[in-house]
Amino acid sequence: MPLSPVQPHQTKVGWIGTGVMGLPMCRHILAKGYLVTVFNRTKEKALPLVEKGARWADSPMEVAKGSDVVFTMVGFPEDVRQVYFGPSGILKGVRAGMILVDMTTTPPSLAQEIHKAAAELGAYALDAPVSGGDVGAREARLSIMVGGDRDAFEVVRPLLEAMGKSIVYQGGPGAGQHTKLTNQIVIAGTMIGVCEALLYAYKAGLDLATVLESIRGGAAQCWTLDNLAPRILKGNFDPGFFVDHFVKDMGIALEEARRMKLSLPGLSLVHQLYVALQAQGHGQKGTHALILALEHLSAIRRDQ
């Protein structure tokens, strides 16, 4: 079925998942003038969008029935499966020509399953996970990695551009998810490097803010140093991205690596440190809370 271009004030966009990331991402779509319908398991979290003009729906199925394009940004693979395949799921309301875009990080195999199910109904599916955290979501500076139907990608590109600065088509179904897992492997290594560096500087008796002033402009420069290290220094571990979600992402990457007979010892180590962080009760903190687990290993209390 031919695809129609998206147009503000005409295209009906459904949005499912209004958490730390989903809420500001959907807000950008709404601000562009698209006709938005929202659903979230906790209705109160979607009210800021309803107050701005979005329509509330009582189920993912209802969202799909009233939309031309549906975005999902939920927490875990089981949530994605329920939202798409559940008794009141999106696929129960799909019609031919619709485009479904899952922006949650999930196994590539699940993205392929959604793509197949959508195709059987004459619809199109994209996997489009993102990187950039809460800051990137609020400022519409996300990196968006897309897999699935190329024609569908070109149609929804204006919607993606409302949320991100780097929008790259990676290939067929699941390619976006594989790219996001690649991204998460880099982040895992970077995060432990930043946290260990700050602990080293602290034990050496250096002023951490002054240290950051130097190393952020050199070869160590990275997003984590710029955006998360200052939060660590302030003891602010509010989530831009939850520890629980990062553990999930690393677990998916490790499972994919096992499937490919690929050894990733660095990722395995960081994954175990984050599992320890969860065990210490910090699963709902931001990923930069990794420093708390490392402090525990060396009996460091920076608040003293």
C-alpha atoms as a PDB file:
ATOM      1  CA  MET A   1       0.000   0.000   0.000  1.00  0.00           C
ATOM      2  CA  PRO A   2       1.424   3.446  -0.914  1.00  0.00           C
ATOM      3  CA  LEU A   3       2.661   5.483   2.033  1.00  0.00           C
ATOM      4  CA  SER A   4       1.424   9.024   2.588  1.00  0.00           C
ATOM      5  CA  PRO A   5       3.800  11.757   3.806  1.00  0.00           C
ATOM      6  CA  VAL A   6       3.300  13.011   7.349  1.00  0.00           C
ATOM      7  CA  GLN A   7       1.949  16.532   7.730  1.00  0.00           C
ATOM      8  CA  PRO A   8       1.384  18.702  10.816  1.00  0.00           C
ATOM      9  CA  HIS A   9      -2.297  19.288  11.673  1.00  0.00           C
ATOM     10  CA  GLN A  10      -3.263  16.311   9.525  1.00  0.00           C
ATOM     11  CA  THR A  11      -1.239  13.214  10.454  1.00  0.00           C
ATOM     12  CA  LYS A  12      -2.541  11.387  13.509  1.00  0.00           C
ATOM     13  CA  VAL A  13       0.309  10.252  15.746  1.00  0.00           C
ATOM     14  CA  GLY A  14      -0.135   7.753  18.578  1.00  0.00           C
ATOM     15  CA  TRP A  15       2.293   7.709  21.490  1.00  0.00           C
ATOM     16  CA  ILE A  16       2.600   4.948  24.095  1.00  0.00           C
ATOM     17  CA  GLY A  17       4.952   5.418  27.058  1.00  0.00           C
ATOM     18  CA  THR A  18       5.354   8.786  28.785  1.00  0.00           C
ATOM     19  CA  GLY A  19       8.216   8.228  31.212  1.00  0.00           C
ATOM     20  CA  VAL A  20      11.475  10.123  31.666  1.00  0.00           C
ATOM     21  CA  MET A  21      12.259   9.831  27.963  1.00  0.00           C
ATOM     22  CA  GLY A  22       8.868   9.362  26.339  1.00  0.00           C
ATOM     23  CA  LEU A  23       7.191  12.444  27.785  1.00  0.00           C
ATOM     24  CA  PRO A  24       9.590  15.062  26.367  1.00  0.00           C
ATOM     25  CA  MET A  25       9.927  13.147  23.095  1.00  0.00           C
ATOM     26  CA  CYS A  26       6.168  13.172  22.584  1.00  0.00           C
ATOM     27  CA  ARG A  27       6.018  16.812  23.620  1.00  0.00           C
ATOM     28  CA  HIS A  28       8.224  17.708  20.635  1.00  0.00           C
ATOM     29  CA  ILE A  29       5.820  15.919  18.273  1.00  0.00           C
ATOM     30  CA  LEU A  30       2.881  17.739  19.804  1.00  0.00           C
ATOM     31  CA  ALA A  31       4.662  21.080  19.504  1.00  0.00           C
ATOM     32  CA  LYS A  32       5.093  20.513  15.758  1.00  0.00           C
ATOM     33  CA  GLY A  33       1.315  20.492  15.346  1.00  0.00           C
ATOM     34  CA  TYR A  34       0.659  16.769  14.851  1.00  0.00           C
ATOM     35  CA  LEU A  35      -2.610  15.319  16.157  1.00  0.00           C
ATOM     36  CA  VAL A  36      -1.432  13.210  19.097  1.00  0.00           C
ATOM     37  CA  THR A  37      -3.163  10.433  21.026  1.00  0.00           C
ATOM     38  CA  VAL A  38      -1.409   9.071  24.128  1.00  0.00           C
ATOM     39  CA  PHE A  39      -1.548   6.056  26.400  1.00  0.00           C
ATOM     40  CA  ASN A  40       0.473   5.200  29.473  1.00  0.00           C
ATOM     41  CA  ARG A  41      -0.077   2.567  32.148  1.00  0.00           C
ATOM     42  CA  THR A  42      -0.145   5.361  34.734  1.00  0.00           C
ATOM     43  CA  LYS A  43      -2.480   7.994  33.315  1.00  0.00           C
ATOM     44  CA  GLU A  44      -1.164  10.749  35.582  1.00  0.00           C
ATOM     45  CA  LYS A  45       2.214  10.635  33.813  1.00  0.00           C
ATOM     46  CA  ALA A  46       0.529  11.469  30.507  1.00  0.00           C
ATOM     47  CA  LEU A  47      -1.542  14.390  31.824  1.00  0.00           C
ATOM     48  CA  PRO A  48       1.074  17.060  30.937  1.00  0.00           C
ATOM     49  CA  LEU A  49       0.586  16.044  27.289  1.00  0.00           C
ATOM     50  CA  VAL A  50      -3.196  15.931  27.566  1.00  0.00           C
ATOM     51  CA  GLU A  51      -3.102  19.426  29.033  1.00  0.00           C
ATOM     52  CA  LYS A  52      -1.159  20.534  25.949  1.00  0.00           C
ATOM     53  CA  GLY A  53      -3.784  19.139  23.596  1.00  0.00           C
ATOM     54  CA  ALA A  54      -3.109  15.410  23.231  1.00  0.00           C
ATOM     55  CA  ARG A  55      -6.063  13.039  23.299  1.00  0.00           C
ATOM     56  CA  TRP A  56      -6.107  10.252  25.896  1.00  0.00           C
ATOM     57  CA  ALA A  57      -6.776   6.641  24.862  1.00  0.00           C
ATOM     58  CA  ASP A  58      -7.641   3.794  27.207  1.00  0.00           C
ATOM     59  CA  SER A  59      -5.471   1.126  25.557  1.00  0.00           C
ATOM     60  CA  PRO A  60      -2.725   0.620  22.961  1.00  0.00           C
ATOM     61  CA  MET A  61      -5.386  -0.845  20.657  1.00  0.00           C
ATOM     62  CA  GLU A  62      -7.393   2.376  20.888  1.00  0.00           C
ATOM     63  CA  VAL A  63      -4.267   4.397  20.146  1.00  0.00           C
ATOM     64  CA  ALA A  64      -3.653   2.345  17.003  1.00  0.00           C
ATOM     65  CA  LYS A  65      -7.249   2.631  15.789  1.00  0.00           C
ATOM     66  CA  GLY A  66      -7.023   6.424  15.833  1.00  0.00           C
ATOM     67  CA  SER A  67      -3.513   6.884  14.433  1.00  0.00           C
ATOM     68  CA  ASP A  68      -1.552   6.874  11.187  1.00  0.00           C
ATOM     69  CA  VAL A  69       1.806   6.434  12.961  1.00  0.00           C
ATOM     70  CA  VAL A  70       2.278   4.869  16.415  1.00  0.00           C
ATOM     71  CA  PHE A  71       5.380   5.324  18.565  1.00  0.00           C
ATOM     72  CA  THR A  72       6.185   3.175  21.586  1.00  0.00           C
ATOM     73  CA  MET A  73       8.723   4.086  24.270  1.00  0.00           C
ATOM     74  CA  VAL A  74       8.282   1.755  27.224  1.00  0.00           C
ATOM     75  CA  GLY A  75      10.593   0.025  29.704  1.00  0.00           C
ATOM     76  CA  PHE A  76      11.359  -3.624  29.098  1.00  0.00           C
ATOM     77  CA  PRO A  77      10.960  -6.232  26.337  1.00  0.00           C
ATOM     78  CA  GLU A  78       8.025  -7.798  28.168  1.00  0.00           C
ATOM     79  CA  ASP A  79       6.328  -4.391  28.156  1.00  0.00           C
ATOM     80  CA  VAL A  80       6.888  -4.075  24.416  1.00  0.00           C
ATOM     81  CA  ARG A  81       5.469  -7.549  23.835  1.00  0.00           C
ATOM     82  CA  GLN A  82       2.378  -6.750  25.881  1.00  0.00           C
ATOM     83  CA  VAL A  83       1.860  -3.388  24.173  1.00  0.00           C
ATOM     84  CA  TYR A  84       2.045  -4.938  20.708  1.00  0.00           C
ATOM     85  CA  PHE A  85       0.752  -8.492  21.120  1.00  0.00           C
ATOM     86  CA  GLY A  86      -1.479  -8.268  24.212  1.00  0.00           C
ATOM     87  CA  PRO A  87      -5.282  -8.668  24.123  1.00  0.00           C
ATOM     88  CA  SER A  88      -5.674  -4.876  23.894  1.00  0.00           C
ATOM     89  CA  GLY A  89      -2.391  -4.401  22.033  1.00  0.00           C
ATOM     90  CA  ILE A  90      -1.475  -2.254  19.067  1.00  0.00           C
ATOM     91  CA  LEU A  91      -1.735  -5.095  16.572  1.00  0.00           C
ATOM     92  CA  LYS A  92      -5.417  -5.496  17.427  1.00  0.00           C
ATOM     93  CA  GLY A  93      -6.028  -1.994  16.077  1.00  0.00           C
ATOM     94  CA  VAL A  94      -3.665  -1.907  13.106  1.00  0.00           C
ATOM     95  CA  ARG A  95      -4.867  -1.234   9.582  1.00  0.00           C
ATOM     96  CA  ALA A  96      -3.016  -1.431   6.278  1.00  0.00           C
ATOM     97  CA  GLY A  97      -0.597   1.407   5.589  1.00  0.00           C
ATOM     98  CA  MET A  98       0.081   2.303   9.221  1.00  0.00           C
ATOM     99  CA  ILE A  99       3.621   2.737  10.493  1.00  0.00           C
ATOM    100  CA  LEU A 100       4.673   1.398  13.902  1.00  0.00           C
ATOM    101  CA  VAL A 101       7.872   2.710  15.493  1.00  0.00           C
ATOM    102  CA  ASP A 102       9.271   1.072  18.618  1.00  0.00           C
ATOM    103  CA  MET A 103      11.873   3.281  20.284  1.00  0.00           C
ATOM    104  CA  THR A 104      12.411   0.993  23.281  1.00  0.00           C
ATOM    105  CA  THR A 105      15.687  -0.935  23.453  1.00  0.00           C
ATOM    106  CA  THR A 106      14.751  -4.598  22.975  1.00  0.00           C
ATOM    107  CA  PRO A 107      16.258  -7.775  21.486  1.00  0.00           C
ATOM    108  CA  PRO A 108      16.650  -7.540  17.706  1.00  0.00           C
ATOM    109  CA  SER A 109      14.598 -10.733  17.431  1.00  0.00           C
ATOM    110  CA  LEU A 110      11.593  -8.969  18.995  1.00  0.00           C
ATOM    111  CA  ALA A 111      11.904  -6.135  16.483  1.00  0.00           C
ATOM    112  CA  GLN A 112      11.890  -8.716  13.701  1.00  0.00           C
ATOM    113  CA  GLU A 113       8.827 -10.395  15.208  1.00  0.00           C
ATOM    114  CA  ILE A 114       6.930  -7.096  15.338  1.00  0.00           C
ATOM    115  CA  HIS A 115       7.973  -6.330  11.758  1.00  0.00           C
ATOM    116  CA  LYS A 116       6.661  -9.685  10.550  1.00  0.00           C
ATOM    117  CA  ALA A 117       3.352  -9.347  12.417  1.00  0.00           C
ATOM    118  CA  ALA A 118       2.830  -5.822  11.090  1.00  0.00           C
ATOM    119  CA  ALA A 119       3.630  -6.872   7.526  1.00  0.00           C
ATOM    120  CA  GLU A 120       1.018  -9.621   7.697  1.00  0.00           C
ATOM    121  CA  LEU A 121      -1.543  -6.885   8.412  1.00  0.00           C
ATOM    122  CA  GLY A 122      -0.299  -4.654   5.606  1.00  0.00           C
ATOM    123  CA  ALA A 123       1.457  -2.277   7.996  1.00  0.00           C
ATOM    124  CA  TYR A 124       5.092  -1.219   8.398  1.00  0.00           C
ATOM    125  CA  ALA A 125       7.338  -1.484  11.459  1.00  0.00           C
ATOM    126  CA  LEU A 126      10.554   0.252  12.453  1.00  0.00           C
ATOM    127  CA  ASP A 127      12.861  -0.330  15.394  1.00  0.00           C
ATOM    128  CA  ALA A 128      14.262   3.079  16.329  1.00  0.00           C
ATOM    129  CA  PRO A 129      16.004   3.045  19.729  1.00  0.00           C
ATOM    130  CA  VAL A 130      17.634   6.242  20.929  1.00  0.00           C
ATOM    131  CA  SER A 131      20.677   7.488  22.808  1.00  0.00           C
ATOM    132  CA  GLY A 132      21.168  10.795  24.588  1.00  0.00           C
ATOM    133  CA  GLY A 133      19.389  10.360  27.902  1.00  0.00           C
ATOM    134  CA  ASP A 134      16.932  12.738  29.497  1.00  0.00           C
ATOM    135  CA  VAL A 135      18.940  15.784  28.392  1.00  0.00           C
ATOM    136  CA  GLY A 136      18.858  14.691  24.758  1.00  0.00           C
ATOM    137  CA  ALA A 137      15.150  13.925  25.005  1.00  0.00           C
ATOM    138  CA  ARG A 138      14.305  17.325  26.497  1.00  0.00           C
ATOM    139  CA  GLU A 139      16.474  19.247  24.033  1.00  0.00           C
ATOM    140  CA  ALA A 140      15.538  17.183  20.952  1.00  0.00           C
ATOM    141  CA  ARG A 141      19.164  16.158  20.471  1.00  0.00           C
ATOM    142  CA  LEU A 142      18.779  12.395  20.529  1.00  0.00           C
ATOM    143  CA  SER A 143      20.684   9.987  18.321  1.00  0.00           C
ATOM    144  CA  ILE A 144      18.133   7.711  16.665  1.00  0.00           C
ATOM    145  CA  MET A 145      19.163   4.407  15.071  1.00  0.00           C
ATOM    146  CA  VAL A 146      16.603   2.923  12.722  1.00  0.00           C
ATOM    147  CA  GLY A 147      15.970  -0.524  11.315  1.00  0.00           C
ATOM    148  CA  GLY A 148      13.082  -1.807   9.208  1.00  0.00           C
ATOM    149  CA  ASP A 149      11.365  -0.676   6.022  1.00  0.00           C
ATOM    150  CA  ARG A 150      13.373   2.018   4.250  1.00  0.00           C
ATOM    151  CA  ASP A 151      10.296   3.637   2.680  1.00  0.00           C
ATOM    152  CA  ALA A 152       8.557   3.837   6.051  1.00  0.00           C
ATOM    153  CA  PHE A 153      11.687   5.393   7.536  1.00  0.00           C
ATOM    154  CA  GLU A 154      11.678   8.140   4.924  1.00  0.00           C
ATOM    155  CA  VAL A 155       8.018   8.872   5.650  1.00  0.00           C
ATOM    156  CA  VAL A 156       8.487   9.274   9.407  1.00  0.00           C
ATOM    157  CA  ARG A 157      11.832  11.075   9.155  1.00  0.00           C
ATOM    158  CA  PRO A 158      10.225  14.489   9.897  1.00  0.00           C
ATOM    159  CA  LEU A 159       8.796  13.060  13.120  1.00  0.00           C
ATOM    160  CA  LEU A 160      12.164  11.628  14.108  1.00  0.00           C
ATOM    161  CA  GLU A 161      13.841  14.938  13.297  1.00  0.00           C
ATOM    162  CA  ALA A 162      11.518  16.610  15.786  1.00  0.00           C
ATOM    163  CA  MET A 163      13.128  14.480  18.504  1.00  0.00           C
ATOM    164  CA  GLY A 164      16.733  14.042  17.446  1.00  0.00           C
ATOM    165  CA  LYS A 165      19.757  15.500  15.713  1.00  0.00           C
ATOM    166  CA  SER A 166      21.321  12.307  14.407  1.00  0.00           C
ATOM    167  CA  ILE A 167      18.874  10.086  12.545  1.00  0.00           C
ATOM    168  CA  VAL A 168      20.528   7.221  10.682  1.00  0.00           C
ATOM    169  CA  TYR A 169      18.930   4.314   8.826  1.00  0.00           C
ATOM    170  CA  GLN A 170      20.909   1.188   9.723  1.00  0.00           C
ATOM    171  CA  GLY A 171      19.265  -1.542   7.654  1.00  0.00           C
ATOM    172  CA  GLY A 172      16.548  -4.162   7.887  1.00  0.00           C
ATOM    173  CA  PRO A 173      14.420  -5.187  10.871  1.00  0.00           C
ATOM    174  CA  GLY A 174      16.510  -5.406  14.051  1.00  0.00           C
ATOM    175  CA  ALA A 175      19.396  -3.330  12.683  1.00  0.00           C
ATOM    176  CA  GLY A 176      18.425  -0.356  14.811  1.00  0.00           C
ATOM    177  CA  GLN A 177      18.458  -2.520  17.930  1.00  0.00           C
ATOM    178  CA  HIS A 178      21.849  -4.017  17.077  1.00  0.00           C
ATOM    179  CA  THR A 179      23.215  -0.487  16.665  1.00  0.00           C
ATOM    180  CA  LYS A 180      21.773   0.581  20.016  1.00  0.00           C
ATOM    181  CA  LEU A 181      23.406  -2.417  21.710  1.00  0.00           C
ATOM    182  CA  THR A 182      26.690  -1.355  20.136  1.00  0.00           C
ATOM    183  CA  ASN A 183      26.101   2.087  21.627  1.00  0.00           C
ATOM    184  CA  GLN A 184      25.423   0.604  25.062  1.00  0.00           C
ATOM    185  CA  ILE A 185      28.672  -1.364  24.993  1.00  0.00           C
ATOM    186  CA  VAL A 186      30.548   1.902  24.420  1.00  0.00           C
ATOM    187  CA  ILE A 187      28.636   3.602  27.226  1.00  0.00           C
ATOM    188  CA  ALA A 188      29.362   0.751  29.650  1.00  0.00           C
ATOM    189  CA  GLY A 189      33.098   1.043  29.069  1.00  0.00           C
ATOM    190  CA  THR A 190      33.020   4.820  29.201  1.00  0.00           C
ATOM    191  CA  MET A 191      30.997   4.907  32.409  1.00  0.00           C
ATOM    192  CA  ILE A 192      33.347   2.689  34.377  1.00  0.00           C
ATOM    193  CA  GLY A 193      36.300   4.707  33.063  1.00  0.00           C
ATOM    194  CA  VAL A 194      34.779   8.000  34.197  1.00  0.00           C
ATOM    195  CA  CYS A 195      33.777   6.661  37.618  1.00  0.00           C
ATOM    196  CA  GLU A 196      37.147   5.041  38.296  1.00  0.00           C
ATOM    197  CA  ALA A 197      38.939   8.213  37.172  1.00  0.00           C
ATOM    198  CA  LEU A 198      36.933  10.352  39.594  1.00  0.00           C
ATOM    199  CA  LEU A 199      37.666   7.950  42.459  1.00  0.00           C
ATOM    200  CA  TYR A 200      41.370   7.986  41.622  1.00  0.00           C
ATOM    201  CA  ALA A 201      41.423  11.784  41.574  1.00  0.00           C
ATOM    202  CA  TYR A 202      39.536  11.884  44.879  1.00  0.00           C
ATOM    203  CA  LYS A 203      41.990   9.510  46.619  1.00  0.00           C
ATOM    204  CA  ALA A 204      44.875  11.523  45.195  1.00  0.00           C
ATOM    205  CA  GLY A 205      43.531  14.556  47.011  1.00  0.00           C
ATOM    206  CA  LEU A 206      42.633  16.550  43.909  1.00  0.00           C
ATOM    207  CA  ASP A 207      39.757  18.976  43.541  1.00  0.00           C
ATOM    208  CA  LEU A 208      37.343  17.062  41.299  1.00  0.00           C
ATOM    209  CA  ALA A 209      35.769  20.104  39.651  1.00  0.00           C
ATOM    210  CA  THR A 210      39.222  21.373  38.710  1.00  0.00           C
ATOM    211  CA  VAL A 211      40.178  17.941  37.381  1.00  0.00           C
ATOM    212  CA  LEU A 212      37.086  17.913  35.182  1.00  0.00           C
ATOM    213  CA  GLU A 213      37.991  21.344  33.850  1.00  0.00           C
ATOM    214  CA  SER A 214      41.238  19.885  32.515  1.00  0.00           C
ATOM    215  CA  ILE A 215      40.277  16.460  31.254  1.00  0.00           C
ATOM    216  CA  ARG A 216      37.006  17.444  29.601  1.00  0.00           C
ATOM    217  CA  GLY A 217      38.983  19.420  27.022  1.00  0.00           C
ATOM    218  CA  GLY A 218      41.532  16.724  26.203  1.00  0.00           C
ATOM    219  CA  ALA A 219      41.548  13.270  24.679  1.00  0.00           C
ATOM    220  CA  ALA A 220      39.251  11.994  27.462  1.00  0.00           C
ATOM    221  CA  GLN A 221      36.453  14.276  26.292  1.00  0.00           C
ATOM    222  CA  CYS A 222      33.116  12.465  26.067  1.00  0.00           C
ATOM    223  CA  TRP A 223      29.384  12.903  26.657  1.00  0.00           C
ATOM    224  CA  THR A 224      29.580  11.171  30.039  1.00  0.00           C
ATOM    225  CA  LEU A 225      32.204  13.580  31.336  1.00  0.00           C
ATOM    226  CA  ASP A 226      30.245  16.572  30.089  1.00  0.00           C
ATOM    227  CA  ASN A 227      26.799  15.534  31.285  1.00  0.00           C
ATOM    228  CA  LEU A 228      27.056  12.971  34.074  1.00  0.00           C
ATOM    229  CA  ALA A 229      30.332  13.640  35.873  1.00  0.00           C
ATOM    230  CA  PRO A 230      29.043  17.019  37.152  1.00  0.00           C
ATOM    231  CA  ARG A 231      25.973  15.233  38.535  1.00  0.00           C
ATOM    232  CA  ILE A 232      28.235  12.756  40.329  1.00  0.00           C
ATOM    233  CA  LEU A 233      30.162  15.593  41.959  1.00  0.00           C
ATOM    234  CA  LYS A 234      26.884  17.073  43.229  1.00  0.00           C
ATOM    235  CA  GLY A 235      25.642  13.701  44.506  1.00  0.00           C
ATOM    236  CA  ASN A 236      22.702  13.981  42.102  1.00  0.00           C
ATOM    237  CA  PHE A 237      21.793  10.487  40.924  1.00  0.00           C
ATOM    238  CA  ASP A 238      18.376  11.312  39.486  1.00  0.00           C
ATOM    239  CA  PRO A 239      17.802   9.137  36.442  1.00  0.00           C
ATOM    240  CA  GLY A 240      18.368  10.330  32.939  1.00  0.00           C
ATOM    241  CA  PHE A 241      18.439   6.608  32.218  1.00  0.00           C
ATOM    242  CA  PHE A 242      17.616   4.044  34.895  1.00  0.00           C
ATOM    243  CA  VAL A 243      20.173   1.543  36.199  1.00  0.00           C
ATOM    244  CA  ASP A 244      17.468  -1.137  35.849  1.00  0.00           C
ATOM    245  CA  HIS A 245      17.076  -0.347  32.156  1.00  0.00           C
ATOM    246  CA  PHE A 246      20.824  -0.296  31.536  1.00  0.00           C
ATOM    247  CA  VAL A 247      21.209  -3.718  33.167  1.00  0.00           C
ATOM    248  CA  LYS A 248      18.490  -4.916  30.805  1.00  0.00           C
ATOM    249  CA  ASP A 249      20.298  -3.476  27.769  1.00  0.00           C
ATOM    250  CA  MET A 250      23.662  -4.989  28.731  1.00  0.00           C
ATOM    251  CA  GLY A 251      21.966  -8.336  29.325  1.00  0.00           C
ATOM    252  CA  ILE A 252      20.508  -8.252  25.815  1.00  0.00           C
ATOM    253  CA  ALA A 253      23.915  -7.370  24.365  1.00  0.00           C
ATOM    254  CA  LEU A 254      25.588 -10.219  26.239  1.00  0.00           C
ATOM    255  CA  GLU A 255      22.922 -12.658  25.064  1.00  0.00           C
ATOM    256  CA  GLU A 256      23.415 -11.528  21.471  1.00  0.00           C
ATOM    257  CA  ALA A 257      27.183 -11.877  21.922  1.00  0.00           C
ATOM    258  CA  ARG A 258      26.744 -15.439  23.194  1.00  0.00           C
ATOM    259  CA  ARG A 259      24.565 -16.211  20.197  1.00  0.00           C
ATOM    260  CA  MET A 260      27.333 -14.904  17.911  1.00  0.00           C
ATOM    261  CA  LYS A 261      30.017 -16.774  19.911  1.00  0.00           C
ATOM    262  CA  LEU A 262      31.632 -13.446  20.781  1.00  0.00           C
ATOM    263  CA  SER A 263      33.504 -12.861  24.043  1.00  0.00           C
ATOM    264  CA  LEU A 264      32.992  -9.431  25.620  1.00  0.00           C
ATOM    265  CA  PRO A 265      34.771  -9.598  29.003  1.00  0.00           C
ATOM    266  CA  GLY A 266      34.699  -5.845  29.569  1.00  0.00           C
ATOM    267  CA  LEU A 267      30.945  -5.678  29.149  1.00  0.00           C
ATOM    268  CA  SER A 268      30.512  -8.725  31.390  1.00  0.00           C
ATOM    269  CA  LEU A 269      32.459  -7.016  34.174  1.00  0.00           C
ATOM    270  CA  VAL A 270      30.495  -3.764  33.987  1.00  0.00           C
ATOM    271  CA  HIS A 271      27.230  -5.720  33.843  1.00  0.00           C
ATOM    272  CA  GLN A 272      28.118  -7.514  37.080  1.00  0.00           C
ATOM    273  CA  LEU A 273      29.002  -4.220  38.782  1.00  0.00           C
ATOM    274  CA  TYR A 274      25.620  -2.820  37.801  1.00  0.00           C
ATOM    275  CA  VAL A 275      23.892  -5.955  39.104  1.00  0.00           C
ATOM    276  CA  ALA A 276      25.672  -5.300  42.401  1.00  0.00           C
ATOM    277  CA  LEU A 277      24.401  -1.714  42.257  1.00  0.00           C
ATOM    278  CA  GLN A 278      20.870  -3.045  41.863  1.00  0.00           C
ATOM    279  CA  ALA A 279      21.391  -5.364  44.828  1.00  0.00           C
ATOM    280  CA  GLN A 280      22.421  -2.327  46.872  1.00  0.00           C
ATOM    281  CA  GLY A 281      19.024  -0.788  46.156  1.00  0.00           C
ATOM    282  CA  HIS A 282      19.997   1.692  43.443  1.00  0.00           C
ATOM    283  CA  GLY A 283      18.121   0.287  40.438  1.00  0.00           C
ATOM    284  CA  GLN A 284      15.942   3.389  40.051  1.00  0.00           C
ATOM    285  CA  LYS A 285      18.889   5.784  40.078  1.00  0.00           C
ATOM    286  CA  GLY A 286      20.678   7.058  36.979  1.00  0.00           C
ATOM    287  CA  THR A 287      23.422   5.019  35.335  1.00  0.00           C
ATOM    288  CA  HIS A 288      26.109   7.320  36.745  1.00  0.00           C
ATOM    289  CA  ALA A 289      25.275   5.850  40.169  1.00  0.00           C
ATOM    290  CA  LEU A 290      27.799   3.149  39.205  1.00  0.00           C
ATOM    291  CA  ILE A 291      30.270   5.173  41.251  1.00  0.00           C
ATOM    292  CA  LEU A 292      28.369   4.127  44.396  1.00  0.00           C
ATOM    293  CA  ALA A 293      29.146   0.452  43.760  1.00  0.00           C
ATOM    294  CA  LEU A 294      32.805   1.270  43.089  1.00  0.00           C
ATOM    295  CA  GLU A 295      33.010   3.382  46.241  1.00  0.00           C
ATOM    296  CA  HIS A 296      31.607   0.453  48.177  1.00  0.00           C
ATOM    297  CA  LEU A 297      34.355  -1.843  46.872  1.00  0.00           C
ATOM    298  CA  SER A 298      37.078   0.493  48.169  1.00  0.00           C
ATOM    299  CA  ALA A 299      35.223   1.616  51.319  1.00  0.00           C
ATOM    300  CA  ILE A 300      35.125   5.217  50.116  1.00  0.00           C
ATOM    301  CA  ARG A 301      32.619   7.709  51.496  1.00  0.00           C
ATOM    302  CA  ARG A 302      32.951  10.961  49.590  1.00  0.00           C
ATOM    303  CA  ASP A 303      30.325  12.621  51.781  1.00  0.00           C
ATOM    304  CA  GLN A 304      32.647  12.502  54.776  1.00  0.00           C
END
